[in-house]
């Protein structure tokens, strides 16, 4: 009888020990779970702080890029601009500079968008500031040749044939003569449009080479085209305009055809109304489809 009682007591003690172990394991799991939860909350807080810092940095970069855009416009011209970066900052920008007897207008689409595109646009803008003061740069084509050589040299795009770098820009450069109202134009994978008072449209095409990049040889001869502007409207744009996509299932590009159709809705000679017509056409075309690229549209005419 005594042996039986002792055996039962021993079993009970062992059972209690096992229960204690289970309780200890549960307490450890609860503690680990609590620590893990706290760590997850800490990591979440750090991620939110980092996200907020990145957001503030991009917003600050946006203020810098916006400040880079021209505000003091030439009195000889009436100008309207649509400038819309895809991601707060972008690779598109434009230059309007009164050079005395002529006015320089450039619409530039740098490689990439977002922060990388914005950095390249800042570099390109500083290059144009330098070129403007170069006495050897006289024609619209000269601006693109000089810009290409500087970008290629700075980025080492022709120093090593094994390195394939395509950073640079596509864009248009126009020089408008104040006295005779003539226009000289050069383009890198871009075109401009001239609209006469009766609605007739003429497209001038640039060279099929980009500025910058190892695919374009150094000293590549970008051509200068000359036209009488007189009372015609000048339209300059980046491919973000024509690359706007409609929503699925059709998924069609806005394209040059629709762009020209929208320009045909122009009435009178008000650049701001032309911009508004294009904005409406783009919104109608894309519906709920998001934009895909930075967009710049610049419309100008002599007063």
C-alpha atoms as a PDB file:
ATOM      1  CA  UNK A   1       0.000   0.000   0.000  1.00  0.00           C
ATOM      2  CA  UNK A   2       2.798   2.407   0.989  1.00  0.00           C
ATOM      3  CA  UNK A   3       4.659   1.580  -2.212  1.00  0.00           C
ATOM      4  CA  UNK A   4       1.586   2.415  -4.233  1.00  0.00           C
ATOM      5  CA  UNK A   5       1.146   5.790  -2.531  1.00  0.00           C
ATOM      6  CA  UNK A   6       4.805   6.619  -3.022  1.00  0.00           C
ATOM      7  CA  UNK A   7       4.585   5.687  -6.698  1.00  0.00           C
ATOM      8  CA  UNK A   8       1.539   7.885  -7.194  1.00  0.00           C
ATOM      9  CA  UNK A   9       3.278  10.794  -5.430  1.00  0.00           C
ATOM     10  CA  UNK A  10       6.292  10.401  -7.665  1.00  0.00           C
ATOM     11  CA  UNK A  11       4.103  10.416 -10.781  1.00  0.00           C
ATOM     12  CA  UNK A  12       2.307  13.488  -9.502  1.00  0.00           C
ATOM     13  CA  UNK A  13       5.603  15.295  -8.885  1.00  0.00           C
ATOM     14  CA  UNK A  14       6.832  14.415 -12.368  1.00  0.00           C
ATOM     15  CA  UNK A  15       3.543  15.614 -13.820  1.00  0.00           C
ATOM     16  CA  UNK A  16       3.846  18.881 -11.894  1.00  0.00           C
ATOM     17  CA  UNK A  17       7.418  19.320 -13.124  1.00  0.00           C
ATOM     18  CA  UNK A  18       6.288  18.772 -16.714  1.00  0.00           C
ATOM     19  CA  UNK A  19       3.490  21.290 -16.219  1.00  0.00           C
ATOM     20  CA  UNK A  20       6.014  23.754 -14.817  1.00  0.00           C
ATOM     21  CA  UNK A  21       8.192  23.230 -17.899  1.00  0.00           C
ATOM     22  CA  UNK A  22       5.199  23.812 -20.173  1.00  0.00           C
ATOM     23  CA  UNK A  23       4.292  26.976 -18.255  1.00  0.00           C
ATOM     24  CA  UNK A  24       7.890  28.204 -18.508  1.00  0.00           C
ATOM     25  CA  UNK A  25       7.908  27.491 -22.280  1.00  0.00           C
ATOM     26  CA  UNK A  26       4.623  29.347 -22.709  1.00  0.00           C
ATOM     27  CA  UNK A  27       5.932  32.275 -20.694  1.00  0.00           C
ATOM     28  CA  UNK A  28       9.090  32.318 -22.846  1.00  0.00           C
ATOM     29  CA  UNK A  29       6.997  32.220 -26.032  1.00  0.00           C
ATOM     30  CA  UNK A  30       4.829  35.052 -24.737  1.00  0.00           C
ATOM     31  CA  UNK A  31       7.930  37.054 -23.890  1.00  0.00           C
ATOM     32  CA  UNK A  32       9.486  36.340 -27.297  1.00  0.00           C
ATOM     33  CA  UNK A  33       6.220  37.208 -28.987  1.00  0.00           C
ATOM     34  CA  UNK A  34       6.034  40.433 -27.026  1.00  0.00           C
ATOM     35  CA  UNK A  35       9.642  41.279 -27.929  1.00  0.00           C
ATOM     36  CA  UNK A  36       8.987  40.409 -31.574  1.00  0.00           C
ATOM     37  CA  UNK A  37       5.890  42.590 -31.579  1.00  0.00           C
ATOM     38  CA  UNK A  38       7.868  45.462 -30.083  1.00  0.00           C
ATOM     39  CA  UNK A  39      10.639  44.960 -32.663  1.00  0.00           C
ATOM     40  CA  UNK A  40       8.121  44.906 -35.482  1.00  0.00           C
ATOM     41  CA  UNK A  41       6.602  48.135 -34.179  1.00  0.00           C
ATOM     42  CA  UNK A  42      10.078  49.663 -33.917  1.00  0.00           C
ATOM     43  CA  UNK A  43      10.968  48.599 -37.478  1.00  0.00           C
ATOM     44  CA  UNK A  44       7.626  49.930 -38.720  1.00  0.00           C
ATOM     45  CA  UNK A  45       8.284  53.246 -36.982  1.00  0.00           C
ATOM     46  CA  UNK A  46      11.779  53.438 -38.513  1.00  0.00           C
ATOM     47  CA  UNK A  47      10.374  52.627 -41.965  1.00  0.00           C
ATOM     48  CA  UNK A  48       7.743  55.357 -41.627  1.00  0.00           C
ATOM     49  CA  UNK A  49      10.395  57.841 -40.475  1.00  0.00           C
ATOM     50  CA  UNK A  50      12.601  56.904 -43.447  1.00  0.00           C
ATOM     51  CA  UNK A  51       9.645  57.218 -45.802  1.00  0.00           C
ATOM     52  CA  UNK A  52       8.844  60.642 -44.388  1.00  0.00           C
ATOM     53  CA  UNK A  53      12.484  61.740 -44.773  1.00  0.00           C
ATOM     54  CA  UNK A  54      12.533  60.534 -48.389  1.00  0.00           C
ATOM     55  CA  UNK A  55       9.253  62.361 -49.034  1.00  0.00           C
ATOM     56  CA  UNK A  56      10.652  65.577 -47.540  1.00  0.00           C
ATOM     57  CA  UNK A  57      13.857  65.201 -49.586  1.00  0.00           C
ATOM     58  CA  UNK A  58      11.910  64.714 -52.829  1.00  0.00           C
ATOM     59  CA  UNK A  59       9.675  67.683 -52.024  1.00  0.00           C
ATOM     60  CA  UNK A  60      12.772  69.780 -51.365  1.00  0.00           C
ATOM     61  CA  UNK A  61      14.273  68.542 -54.646  1.00  0.00           C
ATOM     62  CA  UNK A  62      11.016  69.530 -56.349  1.00  0.00           C
ATOM     63  CA  UNK A  63      11.341  73.091 -55.016  1.00  0.00           C
ATOM     64  CA  UNK A  64      14.908  73.230 -56.351  1.00  0.00           C
ATOM     65  CA  UNK A  65      13.869  71.892 -59.768  1.00  0.00           C
ATOM     66  CA  UNK A  66      10.914  74.272 -59.963  1.00  0.00           C
ATOM     67  CA  UNK A  67      13.207  77.184 -59.066  1.00  0.00           C
ATOM     68  CA  UNK A  68      15.408  76.118 -61.984  1.00  0.00           C
ATOM     69  CA  UNK A  69      12.565  76.831 -64.434  1.00  0.00           C
ATOM     70  CA  UNK A  70      12.341  80.297 -66.009  1.00  0.00           C
ATOM     71  CA  UNK A  71      10.101  82.923 -64.408  1.00  0.00           C
ATOM     72  CA  UNK A  72      11.246  86.136 -66.115  1.00  0.00           C
ATOM     73  CA  UNK A  73       9.743  85.630 -69.582  1.00  0.00           C
ATOM     74  CA  UNK A  74      10.684  87.759 -72.623  1.00  0.00           C
ATOM     75  CA  UNK A  75       8.206  90.569 -73.283  1.00  0.00           C
ATOM     76  CA  UNK A  76       8.409  89.903 -77.025  1.00  0.00           C
ATOM     77  CA  UNK A  77       6.657  86.548 -76.639  1.00  0.00           C
ATOM     78  CA  UNK A  78       3.392  85.184 -75.308  1.00  0.00           C
ATOM     79  CA  UNK A  79       4.178  81.818 -73.727  1.00  0.00           C
ATOM     80  CA  UNK A  80       2.147  79.074 -72.051  1.00  0.00           C
ATOM     81  CA  UNK A  81       3.629  75.901 -70.562  1.00  0.00           C
ATOM     82  CA  UNK A  82       2.368  72.554 -69.306  1.00  0.00           C
ATOM     83  CA  UNK A  83       5.089  70.967 -67.167  1.00  0.00           C
ATOM     84  CA  UNK A  84       4.152  67.817 -65.276  1.00  0.00           C
ATOM     85  CA  UNK A  85       6.787  65.509 -63.716  1.00  0.00           C
ATOM     86  CA  UNK A  86       5.622  61.928 -63.295  1.00  0.00           C
ATOM     87  CA  UNK A  87       7.010  61.537 -59.752  1.00  0.00           C
ATOM     88  CA  UNK A  88       7.112  65.011 -58.159  1.00  0.00           C
ATOM     89  CA  UNK A  89      10.519  65.553 -59.796  1.00  0.00           C
ATOM     90  CA  UNK A  90      11.546  64.387 -63.243  1.00  0.00           C
ATOM     91  CA  UNK A  91      13.816  64.527 -66.250  1.00  0.00           C
ATOM     92  CA  UNK A  92      11.825  67.089 -68.240  1.00  0.00           C
ATOM     93  CA  UNK A  93      12.606  70.796 -68.078  1.00  0.00           C
ATOM     94  CA  UNK A  94      12.590  73.837 -70.320  1.00  0.00           C
ATOM     95  CA  UNK A  95      14.761  76.897 -70.884  1.00  0.00           C
ATOM     96  CA  UNK A  96      13.621  80.367 -71.977  1.00  0.00           C
ATOM     97  CA  UNK A  97      16.399  82.924 -72.191  1.00  0.00           C
ATOM     98  CA  UNK A  98      16.385  86.440 -73.682  1.00  0.00           C
ATOM     99  CA  UNK A  99      19.772  86.837 -75.370  1.00  0.00           C
ATOM    100  CA  UNK A 100      19.233  90.375 -76.659  1.00  0.00           C
ATOM    101  CA  UNK A 101      18.524  90.192 -80.374  1.00  0.00           C
ATOM    102  CA  UNK A 102      17.240  86.636 -80.092  1.00  0.00           C
ATOM    103  CA  UNK A 103      15.419  84.349 -77.660  1.00  0.00           C
ATOM    104  CA  UNK A 104      16.530  80.856 -76.792  1.00  0.00           C
ATOM    105  CA  UNK A 105      13.833  78.264 -76.057  1.00  0.00           C
ATOM    106  CA  UNK A 106      14.714  74.650 -75.301  1.00  0.00           C
ATOM    107  CA  UNK A 107      12.457  71.776 -74.256  1.00  0.00           C
ATOM    108  CA  UNK A 108      14.487  68.902 -72.847  1.00  0.00           C
ATOM    109  CA  UNK A 109      13.646  65.297 -71.913  1.00  0.00           C
ATOM    110  CA  UNK A 110      16.523  63.784 -69.934  1.00  0.00           C
ATOM    111  CA  UNK A 111      17.016  60.038 -69.589  1.00  0.00           C
ATOM    112  CA  UNK A 112      14.804  58.524 -66.897  1.00  0.00           C
ATOM    113  CA  UNK A 113      12.300  60.186 -64.589  1.00  0.00           C
ATOM    114  CA  UNK A 114      11.990  60.662 -60.848  1.00  0.00           C
ATOM    115  CA  UNK A 115      15.163  61.477 -58.915  1.00  0.00           C
ATOM    116  CA  UNK A 116      17.682  60.117 -61.506  1.00  0.00           C
ATOM    117  CA  UNK A 117      16.020  62.147 -64.253  1.00  0.00           C
ATOM    118  CA  UNK A 118      15.971  65.250 -62.048  1.00  0.00           C
ATOM    119  CA  UNK A 119      19.705  64.935 -61.315  1.00  0.00           C
ATOM    120  CA  UNK A 120      20.483  64.656 -65.026  1.00  0.00           C
ATOM    121  CA  UNK A 121      18.205  67.611 -65.783  1.00  0.00           C
ATOM    122  CA  UNK A 122      20.118  69.736 -63.246  1.00  0.00           C
ATOM    123  CA  UNK A 123      23.399  68.773 -64.910  1.00  0.00           C
ATOM    124  CA  UNK A 124      21.986  69.536 -68.373  1.00  0.00           C
ATOM    125  CA  UNK A 125      20.614  72.894 -67.262  1.00  0.00           C
ATOM    126  CA  UNK A 126      24.050  73.912 -65.958  1.00  0.00           C
ATOM    127  CA  UNK A 127      25.577  72.798 -69.274  1.00  0.00           C
ATOM    128  CA  UNK A 128      23.207  75.099 -71.178  1.00  0.00           C
ATOM    129  CA  UNK A 129      24.158  77.954 -68.837  1.00  0.00           C
ATOM    130  CA  UNK A 130      27.754  77.339 -69.839  1.00  0.00           C
ATOM    131  CA  UNK A 131      27.023  77.010 -73.580  1.00  0.00           C
ATOM    132  CA  UNK A 132      25.060  80.274 -73.711  1.00  0.00           C
ATOM    133  CA  UNK A 133      28.281  82.162 -72.955  1.00  0.00           C
ATOM    134  CA  UNK A 134      30.323  80.251 -75.546  1.00  0.00           C
ATOM    135  CA  UNK A 135      31.066  82.579 -78.490  1.00  0.00           C
ATOM    136  CA  UNK A 136      31.548  79.575 -80.790  1.00  0.00           C
ATOM    137  CA  UNK A 137      27.949  78.461 -80.256  1.00  0.00           C
ATOM    138  CA  UNK A 138      25.820  80.425 -82.713  1.00  0.00           C
ATOM    139  CA  UNK A 139      23.143  78.171 -84.217  1.00  0.00           C
ATOM    140  CA  UNK A 140      20.510  75.898 -82.721  1.00  0.00           C
ATOM    141  CA  UNK A 141      22.510  72.908 -83.967  1.00  0.00           C
ATOM    142  CA  UNK A 142      25.639  74.268 -82.263  1.00  0.00           C
ATOM    143  CA  UNK A 143      23.819  74.116 -78.902  1.00  0.00           C
ATOM    144  CA  UNK A 144      23.096  70.407 -79.310  1.00  0.00           C
ATOM    145  CA  UNK A 145      26.603  69.611 -80.593  1.00  0.00           C
ATOM    146  CA  UNK A 146      28.214  71.430 -77.661  1.00  0.00           C
ATOM    147  CA  UNK A 147      25.828  69.859 -75.117  1.00  0.00           C
ATOM    148  CA  UNK A 148      26.478  66.385 -76.531  1.00  0.00           C
ATOM    149  CA  UNK A 149      30.255  66.751 -76.362  1.00  0.00           C
ATOM    150  CA  UNK A 150      30.169  68.075 -72.782  1.00  0.00           C
ATOM    151  CA  UNK A 151      27.786  65.370 -71.487  1.00  0.00           C
ATOM    152  CA  UNK A 152      29.718  62.602 -73.258  1.00  0.00           C
ATOM    153  CA  UNK A 153      32.998  63.846 -71.799  1.00  0.00           C
ATOM    154  CA  UNK A 154      31.676  64.359 -68.255  1.00  0.00           C
ATOM    155  CA  UNK A 155      30.104  60.881 -68.164  1.00  0.00           C
ATOM    156  CA  UNK A 156      33.033  59.191 -69.944  1.00  0.00           C
ATOM    157  CA  UNK A 157      30.745  57.776 -72.609  1.00  0.00           C
ATOM    158  CA  UNK A 158      33.434  57.549 -75.298  1.00  0.00           C
ATOM    159  CA  UNK A 159      36.459  57.004 -73.066  1.00  0.00           C
ATOM    160  CA  UNK A 160      35.928  53.228 -72.841  1.00  0.00           C
ATOM    161  CA  UNK A 161      34.261  51.364 -75.723  1.00  0.00           C
ATOM    162  CA  UNK A 162      33.254  48.559 -73.352  1.00  0.00           C
ATOM    163  CA  UNK A 163      31.163  50.971 -71.271  1.00  0.00           C
ATOM    164  CA  UNK A 164      27.724  51.462 -72.809  1.00  0.00           C
ATOM    165  CA  UNK A 165      26.139  54.587 -71.352  1.00  0.00           C
ATOM    166  CA  UNK A 166      23.002  56.064 -72.878  1.00  0.00           C
ATOM    167  CA  UNK A 167      22.429  58.898 -70.400  1.00  0.00           C
ATOM    168  CA  UNK A 168      21.660  62.228 -72.018  1.00  0.00           C
ATOM    169  CA  UNK A 169      18.558  63.829 -73.458  1.00  0.00           C
ATOM    170  CA  UNK A 170      16.169  64.155 -76.361  1.00  0.00           C
ATOM    171  CA  UNK A 171      14.864  67.614 -77.047  1.00  0.00           C
ATOM    172  CA  UNK A 172      14.432  70.688 -79.187  1.00  0.00           C
ATOM    173  CA  UNK A 173      16.328  73.974 -79.296  1.00  0.00           C
ATOM    174  CA  UNK A 174      14.862  77.055 -80.987  1.00  0.00           C
ATOM    175  CA  UNK A 175      16.409  80.474 -81.540  1.00  0.00           C
ATOM    176  CA  UNK A 176      13.833  83.184 -82.321  1.00  0.00           C
ATOM    177  CA  UNK A 177      15.099  86.359 -83.989  1.00  0.00           C
ATOM    178  CA  UNK A 178      13.228  89.377 -82.631  1.00  0.00           C
ATOM    179  CA  UNK A 179      13.740  91.726 -85.580  1.00  0.00           C
ATOM    180  CA  UNK A 180      12.799  89.527 -88.550  1.00  0.00           C
ATOM    181  CA  UNK A 181      10.792  86.935 -86.552  1.00  0.00           C
ATOM    182  CA  UNK A 182      12.734  84.046 -88.001  1.00  0.00           C
ATOM    183  CA  UNK A 183      13.128  80.724 -86.271  1.00  0.00           C
ATOM    184  CA  UNK A 184      16.101  78.357 -86.281  1.00  0.00           C
ATOM    185  CA  UNK A 185      15.527  74.872 -84.884  1.00  0.00           C
ATOM    186  CA  UNK A 186      17.578  71.805 -84.066  1.00  0.00           C
ATOM    187  CA  UNK A 187      16.254  68.603 -82.570  1.00  0.00           C
ATOM    188  CA  UNK A 188      17.588  65.425 -80.980  1.00  0.00           C
ATOM    189  CA  UNK A 189      14.981  62.712 -81.586  1.00  0.00           C
ATOM    190  CA  UNK A 190      12.292  65.372 -81.404  1.00  0.00           C
ATOM    191  CA  UNK A 191      10.194  67.670 -83.538  1.00  0.00           C
ATOM    192  CA  UNK A 192       8.345  70.986 -83.298  1.00  0.00           C
ATOM    193  CA  UNK A 193       5.078  72.147 -84.851  1.00  0.00           C
ATOM    194  CA  UNK A 194       4.240  75.496 -86.420  1.00  0.00           C
ATOM    195  CA  UNK A 195       0.566  76.520 -86.683  1.00  0.00           C
ATOM    196  CA  UNK A 196      -0.521  79.321 -88.982  1.00  0.00           C
ATOM    197  CA  UNK A 197      -3.587  81.530 -88.446  1.00  0.00           C
ATOM    198  CA  UNK A 198      -5.674  79.434 -90.830  1.00  0.00           C
ATOM    199  CA  UNK A 199      -4.879  76.278 -88.804  1.00  0.00           C
ATOM    200  CA  UNK A 200      -2.280  74.844 -91.192  1.00  0.00           C
ATOM    201  CA  UNK A 201       0.329  72.806 -89.328  1.00  0.00           C
ATOM    202  CA  UNK A 202       3.937  72.190 -90.308  1.00  0.00           C
ATOM    203  CA  UNK A 203       6.112  69.673 -88.452  1.00  0.00           C
ATOM    204  CA  UNK A 204       9.884  70.154 -88.418  1.00  0.00           C
ATOM    205  CA  UNK A 205      11.857  67.040 -87.511  1.00  0.00           C
ATOM    206  CA  UNK A 206      15.233  66.966 -85.823  1.00  0.00           C
ATOM    207  CA  UNK A 207      18.012  64.405 -86.155  1.00  0.00           C
ATOM    208  CA  UNK A 208      17.392  60.818 -85.109  1.00  0.00           C
ATOM    209  CA  UNK A 209      20.163  60.874 -82.525  1.00  0.00           C
ATOM    210  CA  UNK A 210      20.098  61.684 -78.815  1.00  0.00           C
ATOM    211  CA  UNK A 211      22.363  64.166 -77.079  1.00  0.00           C
ATOM    212  CA  UNK A 212      24.715  62.160 -74.876  1.00  0.00           C
ATOM    213  CA  UNK A 213      25.172  58.420 -75.013  1.00  0.00           C
ATOM    214  CA  UNK A 214      27.781  56.203 -76.652  1.00  0.00           C
ATOM    215  CA  UNK A 215      25.528  55.644 -79.698  1.00  0.00           C
ATOM    216  CA  UNK A 216      25.991  59.263 -80.817  1.00  0.00           C
ATOM    217  CA  UNK A 217      29.551  60.028 -82.014  1.00  0.00           C
ATOM    218  CA  UNK A 218      31.413  63.025 -80.623  1.00  0.00           C
ATOM    219  CA  UNK A 219      30.935  66.180 -82.744  1.00  0.00           C
ATOM    220  CA  UNK A 220      27.816  64.658 -84.295  1.00  0.00           C
ATOM    221  CA  UNK A 221      26.498  67.374 -86.685  1.00  0.00           C
ATOM    222  CA  UNK A 222      23.002  68.203 -85.442  1.00  0.00           C
ATOM    223  CA  UNK A 223      21.317  70.131 -88.245  1.00  0.00           C
ATOM    224  CA  UNK A 224      19.806  73.609 -87.967  1.00  0.00           C
ATOM    225  CA  UNK A 225      16.516  74.237 -89.797  1.00  0.00           C
ATOM    226  CA  UNK A 226      15.294  77.767 -90.486  1.00  0.00           C
ATOM    227  CA  UNK A 227      11.747  79.018 -90.952  1.00  0.00           C
ATOM    228  CA  UNK A 228       9.905  82.340 -90.911  1.00  0.00           C
ATOM    229  CA  UNK A 229       7.837  82.299 -87.752  1.00  0.00           C
ATOM    230  CA  UNK A 230       6.056  85.656 -88.167  1.00  0.00           C
ATOM    231  CA  UNK A 231       2.590  85.301 -86.602  1.00  0.00           C
ATOM    232  CA  UNK A 232       2.626  81.495 -86.451  1.00  0.00           C
ATOM    233  CA  UNK A 233       2.325  79.534 -83.223  1.00  0.00           C
ATOM    234  CA  UNK A 234       5.347  77.499 -82.095  1.00  0.00           C
ATOM    235  CA  UNK A 235       4.591  74.182 -80.318  1.00  0.00           C
ATOM    236  CA  UNK A 236       7.401  72.297 -78.544  1.00  0.00           C
ATOM    237  CA  UNK A 237       6.843  69.100 -76.553  1.00  0.00           C
ATOM    238  CA  UNK A 238       8.381  65.945 -75.076  1.00  0.00           C
ATOM    239  CA  UNK A 239       7.253  62.410 -75.898  1.00  0.00           C
ATOM    240  CA  UNK A 240       5.485  62.124 -72.543  1.00  0.00           C
ATOM    241  CA  UNK A 241       2.601  63.912 -74.300  1.00  0.00           C
ATOM    242  CA  UNK A 242       2.244  61.466 -77.196  1.00  0.00           C
ATOM    243  CA  UNK A 243       2.998  58.413 -74.993  1.00  0.00           C
ATOM    244  CA  UNK A 244      -0.086  58.843 -72.778  1.00  0.00           C
ATOM    245  CA  UNK A 245      -1.918  55.503 -72.833  1.00  0.00           C
ATOM    246  CA  UNK A 246      -5.651  54.836 -72.827  1.00  0.00           C
ATOM    247  CA  UNK A 247      -7.045  52.378 -70.287  1.00  0.00           C
ATOM    248  CA  UNK A 248      -7.363  48.629 -70.942  1.00  0.00           C
ATOM    249  CA  UNK A 249      -8.443  46.723 -72.902  1.00  0.00           C
ATOM    250  CA  UNK A 250      -7.713  49.077 -75.823  1.00  0.00           C
ATOM    251  CA  UNK A 251      -4.425  50.450 -74.345  1.00  0.00           C
ATOM    252  CA  UNK A 252      -3.705  52.837 -77.214  1.00  0.00           C
ATOM    253  CA  UNK A 253      -1.121  55.607 -77.286  1.00  0.00           C
ATOM    254  CA  UNK A 254      -2.336  59.173 -77.600  1.00  0.00           C
ATOM    255  CA  UNK A 255       0.172  59.457 -80.432  1.00  0.00           C
ATOM    256  CA  UNK A 256       0.933  62.178 -82.946  1.00  0.00           C
ATOM    257  CA  UNK A 257      -2.327  61.725 -84.851  1.00  0.00           C
ATOM    258  CA  UNK A 258      -4.504  62.507 -81.838  1.00  0.00           C
ATOM    259  CA  UNK A 259      -2.072  65.248 -80.819  1.00  0.00           C
ATOM    260  CA  UNK A 260      -2.531  66.906 -84.222  1.00  0.00           C
ATOM    261  CA  UNK A 261      -6.305  66.454 -83.969  1.00  0.00           C
ATOM    262  CA  UNK A 262      -6.296  68.186 -80.580  1.00  0.00           C
ATOM    263  CA  UNK A 263      -4.211  71.020 -82.024  1.00  0.00           C
ATOM    264  CA  UNK A 264      -6.861  71.385 -84.732  1.00  0.00           C
ATOM    265  CA  UNK A 265      -9.342  72.346 -82.026  1.00  0.00           C
ATOM    266  CA  UNK A 266      -7.292  75.539 -81.600  1.00  0.00           C
ATOM    267  CA  UNK A 267      -9.256  78.724 -82.127  1.00  0.00           C
ATOM    268  CA  UNK A 268      -7.557  82.102 -82.354  1.00  0.00           C
ATOM    269  CA  UNK A 269      -3.948  82.543 -81.336  1.00  0.00           C
ATOM    270  CA  UNK A 270      -3.986  82.093 -77.567  1.00  0.00           C
ATOM    271  CA  UNK A 271      -1.195  79.729 -76.373  1.00  0.00           C
ATOM    272  CA  UNK A 272      -2.965  79.129 -73.044  1.00  0.00           C
ATOM    273  CA  UNK A 273      -6.109  77.908 -74.851  1.00  0.00           C
ATOM    274  CA  UNK A 274      -4.014  75.483 -76.902  1.00  0.00           C
ATOM    275  CA  UNK A 275      -2.490  74.080 -73.709  1.00  0.00           C
ATOM    276  CA  UNK A 276      -5.966  73.712 -72.220  1.00  0.00           C
ATOM    277  CA  UNK A 277      -7.255  71.882 -75.309  1.00  0.00           C
ATOM    278  CA  UNK A 278      -4.378  69.405 -75.129  1.00  0.00           C
ATOM    279  CA  UNK A 279      -4.888  68.840 -71.386  1.00  0.00           C
ATOM    280  CA  UNK A 280      -8.570  68.036 -71.951  1.00  0.00           C
ATOM    281  CA  UNK A 281      -7.737  65.708 -74.856  1.00  0.00           C
ATOM    282  CA  UNK A 282      -5.152  63.855 -72.737  1.00  0.00           C
ATOM    283  CA  UNK A 283      -7.579  63.438 -69.828  1.00  0.00           C
ATOM    284  CA  UNK A 284     -10.322  62.155 -72.141  1.00  0.00           C
ATOM    285  CA  UNK A 285      -7.895  59.729 -73.771  1.00  0.00           C
ATOM    286  CA  UNK A 286      -6.391  58.225 -70.630  1.00  0.00           C
ATOM    287  CA  UNK A 287      -9.554  58.240 -68.473  1.00  0.00           C
ATOM    288  CA  UNK A 288      -8.358  56.375 -65.330  1.00  0.00           C
ATOM    289  CA  UNK A 289      -5.074  55.121 -66.797  1.00  0.00           C
ATOM    290  CA  UNK A 290      -2.097  56.625 -64.938  1.00  0.00           C
ATOM    291  CA  UNK A 291       0.484  58.755 -66.716  1.00  0.00           C
ATOM    292  CA  UNK A 292       3.650  56.940 -67.798  1.00  0.00           C
ATOM    293  CA  UNK A 293       6.243  59.674 -68.199  1.00  0.00           C
ATOM    294  CA  UNK A 294       7.148  63.284 -67.469  1.00  0.00           C
ATOM    295  CA  UNK A 295       5.327  65.720 -69.761  1.00  0.00           C
ATOM    296  CA  UNK A 296       6.255  69.134 -71.128  1.00  0.00           C
ATOM    297  CA  UNK A 297       4.321  71.193 -73.662  1.00  0.00           C
ATOM    298  CA  UNK A 298       5.413  74.742 -74.504  1.00  0.00           C
ATOM    299  CA  UNK A 299       3.389  76.990 -76.812  1.00  0.00           C
ATOM    300  CA  UNK A 300       4.603  80.435 -77.829  1.00  0.00           C
ATOM    301  CA  UNK A 301       4.114  83.244 -80.357  1.00  0.00           C
ATOM    302  CA  UNK A 302       5.425  86.723 -80.992  1.00  0.00           C
ATOM    303  CA  UNK A 303       3.295  89.502 -79.521  1.00  0.00           C
END
